[in-house]
């Protein structure tokens, strides 16, 4: 079945993970296509048609596979022809699979390293396909994982798709907080002529000396991704550091190198601005009402409707604004939108448990400082220790009374 739609890849993949589907989801936006292979809702492999030798070199460099990286100098000339053709037009040739098979045949990598490369390629390709907003989606229930993976590596990769989606939604939020000029990690920054005379942005973290040293490296040929290797920092962190200087026209960005320039851009949050005709002198601007009592926003994440209703009933007070969600995957986007003052998080949930979700939330700037109360029926010391290690602020045992819930909530709201 094939449908042309306004794509929502996260929604599509969430449903496939939830139903533990097996098969291949193909997404095609015209210039670039993706094949996402699933086994019982787990991620096996993601193949993107936009492939580049320099990109594969980045993967090997990032993973520390120096021997394999050095051996690419001896690649057969026919492999470089595949890359040239890929840059000119979409192709069924798969550059990455051919090179990985060649590295295995030449004993430049072992099977374990081969799986590591596939894992990195998969996560990177997944990120780019989640940024799609329009195209064609096709689902094939009978299509197995590419034969070369099973033949050369013996067994496929199995990643928890729900967890991967949560991580990528968190990273997307952070990308969206970077400069609006920044569309891709493959863009190539460079300094403008006479940048030294421009005032440095107050929000920037780099001084004149550091910028001068950086200007010797950033000359429009090195991508943000490649720069992250040179600086030994995460690529998102590099983008965040450069953003104030991009906004202030000290650093400009060249397009990504083909075919990476065909990948989707970072989706931007839309701000609705009223049309000028809607604002007239006859329509006074209403000042917000100042409330004497602060309203605390509480988000409850639990797959049990009974527990959610009970929490809502107990916290049914004017000073609390309670939002409940029964799907841990959906909770991530809810957190970014609501910015809750406190999170009540169940430990035992399908697809992803509370420990993992808590750890993922602690990895995001938006929820690093938010109190997270783990709610569970387990009372053992080991469970409490795991909750602390995951980043939980406190622990609430089921069944709980209204008094106990109020005590722990008010304890962490200040």
Protein backbone atom coordinates (compact mmCIF):
# COMPACT_ATOMS: atom_id res chain seq x y z
CA UNK A 1 0.00 0.00 0.00
CA UNK A 2 1.43 3.42 -0.98
CA UNK A 3 0.13 6.80 0.15
CA UNK A 4 1.21 10.34 -0.62
CA UNK A 5 0.71 12.31 2.57
CA UNK A 6 2.00 15.06 4.75
CA UNK A 7 4.39 12.79 6.58
CA UNK A 8 4.67 12.37 10.32
CA UNK A 9 7.52 9.83 10.57
CA UNK A 10 7.56 9.88 14.39
CA UNK A 11 3.84 9.02 14.51
CA UNK A 12 4.24 6.29 11.89
CA UNK A 13 7.18 4.67 13.66
CA UNK A 14 5.59 5.00 17.12
CA UNK A 15 2.57 3.02 15.89
CA UNK A 16 4.79 0.36 14.32
CA UNK A 17 6.80 0.04 17.53
CA UNK A 18 3.62 -0.13 19.61
CA UNK A 19 2.13 -2.90 17.45
CA UNK A 20 5.48 -4.77 17.38
CA UNK A 21 5.39 -4.82 13.58
CA UNK A 22 7.93 -6.59 11.35
CA UNK A 23 8.77 -5.38 7.88
CA UNK A 24 10.19 -2.37 6.07
CA UNK A 25 8.89 1.20 6.07
CA UNK A 26 10.06 3.12 3.01
CA UNK A 27 9.92 6.93 3.00
CA UNK A 28 10.56 8.78 -0.25
CA UNK A 29 10.57 12.56 -0.60
CA UNK A 30 11.73 12.61 -4.23
CA UNK A 31 15.46 13.29 -4.03
CA UNK A 32 16.21 11.10 -1.03
CA UNK A 33 14.64 7.89 0.28
CA UNK A 34 14.96 5.83 3.47
CA UNK A 35 14.33 2.15 4.22
CA UNK A 36 13.61 1.39 7.88
CA UNK A 37 13.78 -2.29 8.76
CA UNK A 38 11.85 -3.48 11.83
CA UNK A 39 11.62 -6.78 13.67
CA UNK A 40 8.75 -7.01 16.18
CA UNK A 41 8.87 -3.25 16.70
CA UNK A 42 12.66 -3.16 17.15
CA UNK A 43 14.95 -1.25 14.81
CA UNK A 44 17.26 -3.44 12.72
CA UNK A 45 18.69 -1.04 10.14
CA UNK A 46 17.99 2.29 8.44
CA UNK A 47 19.38 2.87 4.96
CA UNK A 48 19.39 6.38 3.44
CA UNK A 49 20.02 6.84 -0.29
CA UNK A 50 22.19 9.96 0.25
CA UNK A 51 25.59 8.39 0.84
CA UNK A 52 29.09 9.85 0.70
CA UNK A 53 32.53 8.35 1.27
CA UNK A 54 33.52 11.31 3.46
CA UNK A 55 30.50 10.59 5.65
CA UNK A 56 31.52 6.96 6.12
CA UNK A 57 35.02 8.17 7.01
CA UNK A 58 33.43 10.32 9.70
CA UNK A 59 31.67 7.26 11.17
CA UNK A 60 34.94 5.30 11.28
CA UNK A 61 36.81 8.26 12.79
CA UNK A 62 34.11 8.81 15.42
CA UNK A 63 34.14 5.13 16.40
CA UNK A 64 37.95 5.06 16.58
CA UNK A 65 38.40 2.43 13.84
CA UNK A 66 41.74 3.86 12.66
CA UNK A 67 42.90 0.76 10.78
CA UNK A 68 39.69 0.64 8.73
CA UNK A 69 39.90 4.39 8.08
CA UNK A 70 43.48 4.13 6.77
CA UNK A 71 42.58 1.16 4.56
CA UNK A 72 40.03 3.23 2.58
CA UNK A 73 42.99 4.61 0.59
CA UNK A 74 43.09 1.22 -1.12
CA UNK A 75 39.39 1.05 -2.05
CA UNK A 76 38.77 -0.40 -5.54
CA UNK A 77 38.18 2.40 -8.11
CA UNK A 78 34.72 0.95 -8.89
CA UNK A 79 33.51 2.00 -5.42
CA UNK A 80 34.35 5.62 -6.16
CA UNK A 81 32.26 5.41 -9.33
CA UNK A 82 29.26 4.41 -7.20
CA UNK A 83 29.77 7.53 -5.10
CA UNK A 84 30.04 9.74 -8.22
CA UNK A 85 26.78 8.34 -9.58
CA UNK A 86 25.00 8.79 -6.25
CA UNK A 87 25.86 12.49 -6.33
CA UNK A 88 24.33 12.89 -9.78
CA UNK A 89 21.08 10.96 -9.35
CA UNK A 90 19.31 8.56 -6.98
CA UNK A 91 20.58 5.00 -7.33
CA UNK A 92 19.86 1.51 -6.08
CA UNK A 93 23.60 1.07 -5.46
CA UNK A 94 24.46 1.05 -1.75
CA UNK A 95 27.91 2.53 -1.17
CA UNK A 96 28.01 1.90 2.60
CA UNK A 97 27.07 -1.79 2.36
CA UNK A 98 29.70 -2.42 -0.32
CA UNK A 99 32.45 -0.73 1.67
CA UNK A 100 31.49 -2.47 4.95
CA UNK A 101 31.54 -5.85 3.15
CA UNK A 102 34.94 -4.96 1.63
CA UNK A 103 36.34 -3.98 5.06
CA UNK A 104 35.12 -7.30 6.49
CA UNK A 105 36.59 -9.29 3.56
CA UNK A 106 39.94 -7.48 3.95
CA UNK A 107 39.89 -8.12 7.75
CA UNK A 108 40.06 -4.39 8.43
CA UNK A 109 37.09 -4.72 10.79
CA UNK A 110 35.54 -7.66 12.65
CA UNK A 111 31.84 -8.53 12.89
CA UNK A 112 31.41 -6.66 16.18
CA UNK A 113 32.89 -3.50 14.63
CA UNK A 114 30.69 -4.01 11.57
CA UNK A 115 27.60 -3.97 13.81
CA UNK A 116 28.87 -0.80 15.52
CA UNK A 117 29.17 0.95 12.15
CA UNK A 118 25.66 -0.20 11.19
CA UNK A 119 24.31 1.08 14.52
CA UNK A 120 25.82 4.53 13.95
CA UNK A 121 24.60 4.68 10.34
CA UNK A 122 21.13 3.59 11.51
CA UNK A 123 20.83 6.23 14.23
CA UNK A 124 22.12 8.97 11.92
CA UNK A 125 19.77 8.01 9.09
CA UNK A 126 16.86 7.77 11.55
CA UNK A 127 17.47 11.34 12.70
CA UNK A 128 17.36 12.73 9.15
CA UNK A 129 14.21 10.82 8.17
CA UNK A 130 12.35 12.06 11.26
CA UNK A 131 12.77 15.61 9.89
CA UNK A 132 10.66 14.79 6.81
CA UNK A 133 7.31 16.56 6.51
CA UNK A 134 6.04 15.43 3.12
CA UNK A 135 6.55 12.50 0.75
CA UNK A 136 5.47 8.95 0.01
CA UNK A 137 5.36 6.23 2.65
CA UNK A 138 5.19 2.52 1.82
CA UNK A 139 5.00 -0.43 4.21
CA UNK A 140 6.19 -3.91 3.18
CA UNK A 141 5.40 -6.68 5.64
CA UNK A 142 7.33 -9.39 3.81
CA UNK A 143 10.57 -7.53 3.10
CA UNK A 144 13.39 -8.97 5.26
CA UNK A 145 16.52 -7.20 6.43
CA UNK A 146 19.09 -6.74 3.59
CA UNK A 147 20.70 -10.17 2.99
CA UNK A 148 24.26 -8.84 3.22
CA UNK A 149 23.83 -8.01 6.92
CA UNK A 150 22.79 -11.56 7.80
CA UNK A 151 25.36 -13.14 5.46
CA UNK A 152 28.34 -11.07 6.59
CA UNK A 153 27.50 -10.38 10.24
CA UNK A 154 25.48 -13.43 11.22
CA UNK A 155 22.77 -11.59 13.16
CA UNK A 156 21.10 -8.19 12.82
CA UNK A 157 21.16 -5.20 15.11
CA UNK A 158 18.12 -4.83 17.42
CA UNK A 159 17.53 -1.37 18.88
CA UNK A 160 14.55 -0.33 20.99
CA UNK A 161 12.71 1.92 18.53
CA UNK A 162 10.64 3.70 21.20
CA UNK A 163 13.80 4.69 23.08
CA UNK A 164 15.45 5.88 19.85
CA UNK A 165 12.44 8.09 19.07
CA UNK A 166 12.55 9.65 22.54
CA UNK A 167 16.27 10.43 22.18
CA UNK A 168 15.77 11.96 18.72
CA UNK A 169 12.82 14.11 19.86
CA UNK A 170 14.98 15.43 22.69
CA UNK A 171 17.86 16.23 20.33
CA UNK A 172 15.51 17.86 17.82
CA UNK A 173 14.30 20.25 20.51
CA UNK A 174 17.91 21.24 21.18
CA UNK A 175 18.62 21.68 17.44
CA UNK A 176 15.57 23.94 17.20
CA UNK A 177 17.06 26.19 19.89
CA UNK A 178 20.13 26.81 17.72
CA UNK A 179 20.38 29.63 15.14
CA UNK A 180 17.50 29.66 12.63
CA UNK A 181 20.15 29.90 9.90
CA UNK A 182 21.42 26.49 10.89
CA UNK A 183 19.59 23.94 8.74
CA UNK A 184 21.89 20.93 8.86
CA UNK A 185 24.90 19.50 10.65
CA UNK A 186 26.46 19.19 7.20
CA UNK A 187 26.53 22.94 6.54
CA UNK A 188 30.02 24.42 6.29
CA UNK A 189 30.74 27.53 8.41
CA UNK A 190 33.16 30.32 7.47
CA UNK A 191 34.09 33.73 8.85
CA UNK A 192 33.09 36.91 7.05
CA UNK A 193 35.67 39.39 5.88
CA UNK A 194 36.40 41.99 8.56
CA UNK A 195 34.71 39.99 11.31
CA UNK A 196 37.34 41.22 13.80
CA UNK A 197 35.79 44.71 13.73
CA UNK A 198 32.32 43.46 14.63
CA UNK A 199 31.19 43.50 18.30
CA UNK A 200 30.98 40.04 19.82
CA UNK A 201 27.51 38.86 20.94
CA UNK A 202 26.90 38.96 24.68
CA UNK A 203 25.40 35.46 24.49
CA UNK A 204 28.58 34.04 22.93
CA UNK A 205 31.11 32.00 24.92
CA UNK A 206 34.19 32.55 22.73
CA UNK A 207 36.67 35.42 23.07
CA UNK A 208 38.52 37.20 20.25
CA UNK A 209 41.63 35.02 20.60
CA UNK A 210 39.68 31.74 20.39
CA UNK A 211 37.68 33.02 17.41
CA UNK A 212 40.90 33.96 15.61
CA UNK A 213 42.26 30.44 16.12
CA UNK A 214 38.95 29.01 14.96
CA UNK A 215 38.98 31.17 11.82
CA UNK A 216 42.07 29.28 10.65
CA UNK A 217 40.00 26.07 10.60
CA UNK A 218 36.54 27.34 9.61
CA UNK A 219 36.92 28.32 5.96
CA UNK A 220 33.79 26.95 4.34
CA UNK A 221 35.18 23.50 3.58
CA UNK A 222 34.75 21.77 6.95
CA UNK A 223 31.21 20.87 8.01
CA UNK A 224 29.90 21.35 11.55
CA UNK A 225 30.00 17.55 11.90
CA UNK A 226 33.66 17.36 10.82
CA UNK A 227 34.47 20.33 13.06
CA UNK A 228 33.07 18.41 16.04
CA UNK A 229 35.77 15.78 15.54
CA UNK A 230 38.52 18.39 15.43
CA UNK A 231 37.22 20.08 18.59
CA UNK A 232 36.40 16.74 20.26
CA UNK A 233 32.90 17.91 21.12
CA UNK A 234 29.40 16.67 20.31
CA UNK A 235 28.16 18.16 17.01
CA UNK A 236 25.10 19.62 18.72
CA UNK A 237 27.34 21.33 21.27
CA UNK A 238 29.43 22.81 18.44
CA UNK A 239 26.26 24.11 16.76
CA UNK A 240 25.13 25.70 20.05
CA UNK A 241 28.53 27.40 20.50
CA UNK A 242 28.53 28.78 16.93
CA UNK A 243 24.88 29.90 16.93
CA UNK A 244 25.33 33.40 18.51
CA UNK A 245 28.06 34.21 15.96
CA UNK A 246 25.89 32.95 13.09
CA UNK A 247 22.99 35.11 14.30
CA UNK A 248 25.28 38.16 14.49
CA UNK A 249 26.67 37.62 10.95
CA UNK A 250 30.20 36.95 12.16
CA UNK A 251 30.02 33.39 10.86
CA UNK A 252 28.14 32.42 7.69
CA UNK A 253 27.11 28.97 6.48
CA UNK A 254 27.70 27.33 3.09
CA UNK A 255 25.38 24.57 1.88
CA UNK A 256 26.18 20.96 2.64
CA UNK A 257 28.23 18.98 0.14
CA UNK A 258 26.14 16.99 -2.39
CA UNK A 259 24.30 14.66 -1.93
CA UNK A 260 24.02 15.61 1.77
CA UNK A 261 22.48 18.94 0.74
CA UNK A 262 19.37 16.98 -0.31
CA UNK A 263 18.64 15.77 3.23
CA UNK A 264 15.73 17.40 5.10
CA UNK A 265 16.43 20.60 7.03
CA UNK A 266 15.95 20.91 10.77
CA UNK A 267 12.18 21.46 11.27
CA UNK A 268 11.54 24.88 12.77
CA UNK A 269 8.84 25.77 15.28
CA UNK A 270 6.19 27.98 13.69
CA UNK A 271 5.26 31.20 15.44
CA UNK A 272 1.79 32.53 14.58
CA UNK A 273 1.90 36.30 14.25
CA UNK A 274 -1.45 38.14 14.07
CA UNK A 275 -2.12 39.91 10.77
CA UNK A 276 -1.77 43.70 11.04
CA UNK A 277 -5.45 44.09 10.17
CA UNK A 278 -6.32 42.17 13.34
CA UNK A 279 -4.55 44.73 15.55
CA UNK A 280 -6.28 48.11 15.68
CA UNK A 281 -6.43 51.03 18.06
CA UNK A 282 -9.95 49.90 18.96
CA UNK A 283 -8.55 46.60 20.25
CA UNK A 284 -6.69 47.37 23.46
CA UNK A 285 -3.84 45.04 24.49
CA UNK A 286 -4.97 43.07 27.49
CA UNK A 287 -2.48 42.93 30.33
CA UNK A 288 -2.08 39.49 31.85
CA UNK A 289 -3.82 39.01 35.14
CA UNK A 290 -1.44 38.56 38.01
CA UNK A 291 -2.43 35.71 40.24
CA UNK A 292 -1.56 35.83 43.89
CA UNK A 293 -1.12 32.04 43.99
CA UNK A 294 1.35 30.37 41.65
CA UNK A 295 -0.08 27.53 39.58
CA UNK A 296 2.29 24.56 39.57
CA UNK A 297 2.31 22.42 36.42
CA UNK A 298 2.51 18.70 37.15
CA UNK A 299 2.89 16.02 34.47
CA UNK A 300 1.90 12.42 35.38
CA UNK A 301 3.23 9.59 33.17
CA UNK A 302 1.64 6.20 33.85
CA UNK A 303 0.10 3.49 31.67
CA UNK A 304 -2.63 2.87 34.27
CA UNK A 305 -5.79 5.00 33.76
CA UNK A 306 -6.81 4.19 37.36
CA UNK A 307 -3.62 5.66 38.83
CA UNK A 308 -3.85 8.72 36.58
CA UNK A 309 -7.44 9.40 37.67
CA UNK A 310 -6.48 8.96 41.32
CA UNK A 311 -3.59 11.44 41.02
CA UNK A 312 -5.86 13.94 39.27
CA UNK A 313 -8.46 13.56 42.03
CA UNK A 314 -5.91 13.98 44.83
CA UNK A 315 -4.30 17.04 43.21
CA UNK A 316 -7.56 18.68 42.18
CA UNK A 317 -6.70 22.09 43.63
CA UNK A 318 -6.49 25.60 42.23
CA UNK A 319 -2.71 25.76 42.69
CA UNK A 320 -2.08 22.63 40.58
CA UNK A 321 -2.45 22.21 36.83
CA UNK A 322 -2.29 18.44 36.28
CA UNK A 323 -1.67 16.87 32.86
CA UNK A 324 -1.76 13.08 32.46
CA UNK A 325 -0.29 10.93 29.68
CA UNK A 326 -0.45 7.14 29.36
CA UNK A 327 2.20 6.79 26.60
CA UNK A 328 5.85 7.34 27.63
CA UNK A 329 6.90 8.11 24.04
CA UNK A 330 4.33 10.91 23.73
CA UNK A 331 5.41 12.30 27.10
CA UNK A 332 8.67 13.71 25.70
CA UNK A 333 7.02 16.20 23.34
CA UNK A 334 4.52 16.96 26.14
CA UNK A 335 7.38 17.87 28.48
CA UNK A 336 8.91 20.26 25.94
CA UNK A 337 5.55 21.92 25.36
CA UNK A 338 4.33 22.16 28.96
CA UNK A 339 7.63 22.70 30.77
CA UNK A 340 6.23 21.10 33.95
CA UNK A 341 7.40 22.09 37.41
CA UNK A 342 7.30 18.45 38.55
CA UNK A 343 7.00 15.02 36.89
CA UNK A 344 5.36 11.95 38.44
CA UNK A 345 6.77 8.94 36.56
CA UNK A 346 5.69 5.31 36.79
CA UNK A 347 8.51 2.75 36.67
CA UNK A 348 6.74 -0.23 35.09
CA UNK A 349 5.47 0.74 31.64
CA UNK A 350 5.39 -0.98 28.22
CA UNK A 351 7.95 -0.15 25.50
CA UNK A 352 10.20 1.85 27.84
CA UNK A 353 10.39 1.67 31.62
CA UNK A 354 10.58 4.63 33.99
CA UNK A 355 14.28 4.18 34.75
CA UNK A 356 15.25 4.54 31.09
CA UNK A 357 12.83 7.40 30.46
CA UNK A 358 14.13 9.24 33.55
CA UNK A 359 17.72 8.83 32.33
CA UNK A 360 16.80 10.13 28.88
CA UNK A 361 15.00 13.15 30.35
CA UNK A 362 18.02 13.96 32.52
CA UNK A 363 20.09 14.09 29.33
CA UNK A 364 17.99 16.99 28.04
CA UNK A 365 18.57 20.60 29.10
CA UNK A 366 14.82 21.15 29.37
CA UNK A 367 14.35 18.62 32.17
CA UNK A 368 17.73 18.43 33.89
CA UNK A 369 16.52 20.42 36.91
CA UNK A 370 12.86 19.31 36.92
CA UNK A 371 11.96 17.22 40.00
CA UNK A 372 11.10 13.66 38.88
CA UNK A 373 9.23 11.49 41.38
CA UNK A 374 9.28 7.76 40.56
CA UNK A 375 5.95 6.06 41.35
CA UNK A 376 6.00 2.29 41.82
CA UNK A 377 4.73 -0.69 43.77
CA UNK A 378 8.30 -1.90 44.39
CA UNK A 379 9.63 -1.12 47.85
CA UNK A 380 13.09 -2.71 47.78
CA UNK A 381 16.33 -0.83 48.40
CA UNK A 382 17.65 -1.95 45.01
CA UNK A 383 14.69 -0.35 43.23
CA UNK A 384 15.23 2.90 45.12
CA UNK A 385 18.94 2.82 44.28
CA UNK A 386 18.15 2.28 40.57
CA UNK A 387 15.76 5.23 40.67
CA UNK A 388 18.49 7.46 42.15
CA UNK A 389 21.03 6.28 39.58
CA UNK A 390 18.56 7.07 36.79
CA UNK A 391 18.32 10.65 38.10
CA UNK A 392 15.08 10.50 40.09
CA UNK A 393 14.59 13.19 42.72
CA UNK A 394 12.40 11.08 45.00
CA UNK A 395 10.40 7.87 45.27
CA UNK A 396 6.64 7.35 45.89
CA UNK A 397 5.36 3.87 46.70
CA UNK A 398 1.96 2.55 45.59
CA UNK A 399 -0.63 2.49 47.03
CA UNK A 400 -0.34 6.03 48.35
CA UNK A 401 -2.72 8.29 50.25
CA UNK A 402 -3.67 11.83 49.29
CA UNK A 403 -1.67 13.10 52.29
CA UNK A 404 1.47 11.23 51.23
CA UNK A 405 1.15 12.45 47.61
CA UNK A 406 0.68 16.05 48.76
CA UNK A 407 3.66 15.82 51.11
CA UNK A 408 6.06 14.62 48.42
CA UNK A 409 4.75 17.05 45.76
CA UNK A 410 4.96 20.12 48.03
CA UNK A 411 8.37 19.01 49.29
CA UNK A 412 9.84 19.47 45.79
CA UNK A 413 7.88 22.53 44.63
CA UNK A 414 9.41 25.80 45.75
